[in-house]
Amino acid sequence: MTKRPQRHAAEGLHQLDEKPGHLVRRAHQLSVTIFGEEARPFRITGPQHVVLVALAHHPGVDQNTVASLVALDRSTTGNVITRLERRGLISRRVNPADHRGRILSLTAKGDKLVKAMDAAVRRTQQRFLAPLEPGEQAQFVGYLRRIVGLDG
């Protein structure tokens, strides 16, 4: 009886640097880090920023609509909205069509902050995509849009 050579346990495993999920997670970590550096002066997190931008583009929507627009779960969206309201960046008022619901809008302070962050957000995108050529950047963003179901 011939003995089989022993295989190292990791030999049969895929290399992490070839796994799309792992690479997406690492890319997300990089994006969050860059955004954190650029947004530090504004004291705004990524989820807070996307909620502010959603309200800038869709004033007067309810909390569930905001959650859907920014792809956050309802609980996280609720926490983000509470923090933004405490800072005076958004306002909540009773929905006249449904007194249980609340209509959300940017305050003047919130609108000013979104506009003030524009350059920092552009720098974040530029820094994140810098390893790619301009054509590759557009292609990469297009691929990401397809993966998450925004194109197709």
Protein backbone atom coordinates (compact mmCIF):
# COMPACT_ATOMS: atom_id res chain seq x y z
CA MET A 1 0.00 0.00 0.00
CA THR A 2 1.45 3.33 -1.04
CA LYS A 3 1.19 6.27 1.19
CA ARG A 4 -0.41 9.41 -0.17
CA PRO A 5 1.57 12.55 0.39
CA GLN A 6 0.03 14.72 3.07
CA ARG A 7 -1.59 17.88 1.78
CA HIS A 8 -1.36 21.08 3.66
CA ALA A 9 -4.85 22.02 4.85
CA ALA A 10 -4.75 25.36 3.07
CA GLU A 11 -3.78 23.91 -0.33
CA GLY A 12 -7.38 23.17 -1.25
CA LEU A 13 -8.60 26.60 -0.24
CA HIS A 14 -8.89 29.47 -2.65
CA GLN A 15 -6.50 32.30 -2.09
CA LEU A 16 -8.21 35.20 -0.34
CA ASP A 17 -6.84 37.67 -2.86
CA GLU A 18 -8.83 35.85 -5.56
CA LYS A 19 -12.20 35.89 -3.74
CA PRO A 20 -14.50 38.70 -4.91
CA GLY A 21 -16.31 38.97 -1.57
CA HIS A 22 -13.05 39.38 0.31
CA LEU A 23 -11.78 41.95 -2.19
CA VAL A 24 -15.06 43.91 -2.02
CA ARG A 25 -14.81 43.94 1.79
CA ARG A 26 -11.23 45.23 1.60
CA ALA A 27 -12.23 47.86 -0.99
CA HIS A 28 -15.07 48.92 1.30
CA GLN A 29 -12.65 49.24 4.21
CA LEU A 30 -10.41 51.44 2.07
CA SER A 31 -13.36 53.58 0.96
CA VAL A 32 -14.57 54.02 4.55
CA THR A 33 -11.07 54.96 5.70
CA ILE A 34 -10.63 57.55 2.96
CA PHE A 35 -14.10 59.00 3.56
CA GLY A 36 -13.36 59.18 7.30
CA GLU A 37 -10.20 61.16 6.65
CA GLU A 38 -11.88 63.56 4.23
CA ALA A 39 -15.08 63.97 6.27
CA ARG A 40 -13.40 64.29 9.69
CA PRO A 41 -13.76 68.10 9.80
CA PHE A 42 -17.52 67.73 9.24
CA ARG A 43 -18.04 65.06 11.92
CA ILE A 44 -20.19 63.01 9.53
CA THR A 45 -20.14 59.27 8.90
CA GLY A 46 -20.76 57.66 5.52
CA PRO A 47 -24.30 56.53 6.42
CA GLN A 48 -25.11 60.01 7.75
CA HIS A 49 -23.82 61.57 4.56
CA VAL A 50 -25.89 59.35 2.27
CA VAL A 51 -29.04 60.15 4.27
CA LEU A 52 -28.31 63.88 3.97
CA VAL A 53 -27.72 63.56 0.22
CA ALA A 54 -30.91 61.53 -0.20
CA LEU A 55 -32.88 64.26 1.58
CA ALA A 56 -31.19 66.94 -0.52
CA HIS A 57 -32.46 65.16 -3.64
CA HIS A 58 -35.80 63.97 -2.20
CA PRO A 59 -37.05 66.52 0.34
CA GLY A 60 -40.19 65.68 2.25
CA VAL A 61 -39.98 61.89 2.15
CA ASP A 62 -40.65 59.55 5.05
CA GLN A 63 -38.10 57.48 6.95
CA ASN A 64 -38.91 54.21 5.15
CA THR A 65 -38.39 55.90 1.79
CA VAL A 66 -35.03 57.26 2.93
CA ALA A 67 -34.00 53.78 4.08
CA SER A 68 -34.90 52.40 0.67
CA LEU A 69 -33.13 55.20 -1.21
CA VAL A 70 -29.84 54.67 0.63
CA ALA A 71 -30.02 50.87 1.04
CA LEU A 72 -29.84 50.91 4.83
CA ASP A 73 -32.03 48.84 7.11
CA ARG A 74 -34.83 50.66 8.92
CA SER A 75 -33.19 50.41 12.34
CA THR A 76 -29.87 51.87 11.16
CA THR A 77 -31.71 54.59 9.25
CA GLY A 78 -33.68 55.46 12.38
CA ASN A 79 -30.48 55.80 14.42
CA VAL A 80 -28.83 57.92 11.74
CA ILE A 81 -31.87 60.20 11.46
CA THR A 82 -32.00 60.66 15.24
CA ARG A 83 -28.33 61.70 15.31
CA LEU A 84 -28.79 64.10 12.37
CA GLU A 85 -31.87 65.63 13.98
CA ARG A 86 -30.02 66.15 17.28
CA ARG A 87 -27.34 68.05 15.36
CA GLY A 88 -29.98 70.23 13.75
CA LEU A 89 -29.19 68.95 10.24
CA ILE A 90 -32.62 67.53 9.49
CA SER A 91 -36.15 68.14 10.70
CA ARG A 92 -39.05 65.76 11.23
CA ARG A 93 -42.65 66.86 11.03
CA VAL A 94 -45.91 64.98 11.18
CA ASN A 95 -47.07 63.64 7.83
CA PRO A 96 -50.43 65.30 7.14
CA ALA A 97 -51.52 62.25 5.10
CA ASP A 98 -50.61 59.77 7.86
CA HIS A 99 -50.27 61.20 11.36
CA ARG A 100 -48.21 58.19 12.47
CA GLY A 101 -45.49 58.97 9.94
CA ARG A 102 -42.90 61.72 9.82
CA ILE A 103 -41.75 63.78 6.87
CA LEU A 104 -38.00 64.44 6.75
CA SER A 105 -36.24 67.48 5.33
CA LEU A 106 -32.83 69.06 5.48
CA THR A 107 -32.58 72.14 7.63
CA ALA A 108 -30.68 75.17 6.32
CA LYS A 109 -27.73 73.94 8.41
CA GLY A 110 -27.99 70.47 6.84
CA ASP A 111 -28.19 71.89 3.32
CA LYS A 112 -25.14 74.05 4.00
CA LEU A 113 -23.22 71.02 5.29
CA VAL A 114 -24.06 68.87 2.24
CA LYS A 115 -22.80 71.63 -0.03
CA ALA A 116 -19.69 72.21 2.08
CA MET A 117 -18.84 68.49 1.90
CA ASP A 118 -18.93 68.36 -1.89
CA ALA A 119 -15.18 68.84 -2.35
CA ALA A 120 -14.37 66.29 0.37
CA VAL A 121 -16.66 63.73 -1.27
CA ARG A 122 -15.04 64.35 -4.66
CA ARG A 123 -11.58 63.89 -3.12
CA THR A 124 -12.75 60.65 -1.52
CA GLN A 125 -13.86 59.28 -4.89
CA GLN A 126 -10.67 60.47 -6.61
CA ARG A 127 -8.44 58.92 -3.97
CA PHE A 128 -10.34 55.64 -3.96
CA LEU A 129 -10.30 55.28 -7.75
CA ALA A 130 -6.77 56.67 -8.24
CA PRO A 131 -5.16 53.27 -9.02
CA LEU A 132 -7.38 53.01 -12.12
CA GLU A 133 -7.15 54.89 -15.41
CA PRO A 134 -10.13 57.22 -16.13
CA GLY A 135 -11.76 54.72 -18.50
CA GLU A 136 -11.24 51.93 -16.00
CA GLN A 137 -12.81 54.07 -13.26
CA ALA A 138 -16.04 54.47 -15.23
CA GLN A 139 -16.00 50.77 -16.12
CA PHE A 140 -15.41 49.76 -12.50
CA VAL A 141 -18.29 51.92 -11.27
CA GLY A 142 -20.45 50.45 -14.03
CA TYR A 143 -19.59 46.93 -12.90
CA LEU A 144 -20.40 47.79 -9.29
CA ARG A 145 -23.76 49.24 -10.38
CA ARG A 146 -24.57 46.00 -12.22
CA ILE A 147 -23.51 43.83 -9.28
CA VAL A 148 -25.79 45.70 -6.87
CA GLY A 149 -28.67 45.71 -9.35
CA LEU A 150 -28.72 49.38 -10.38
CA ASP A 151 -28.18 48.69 -14.08
CA GLY A 152 -29.56 45.93 -16.07
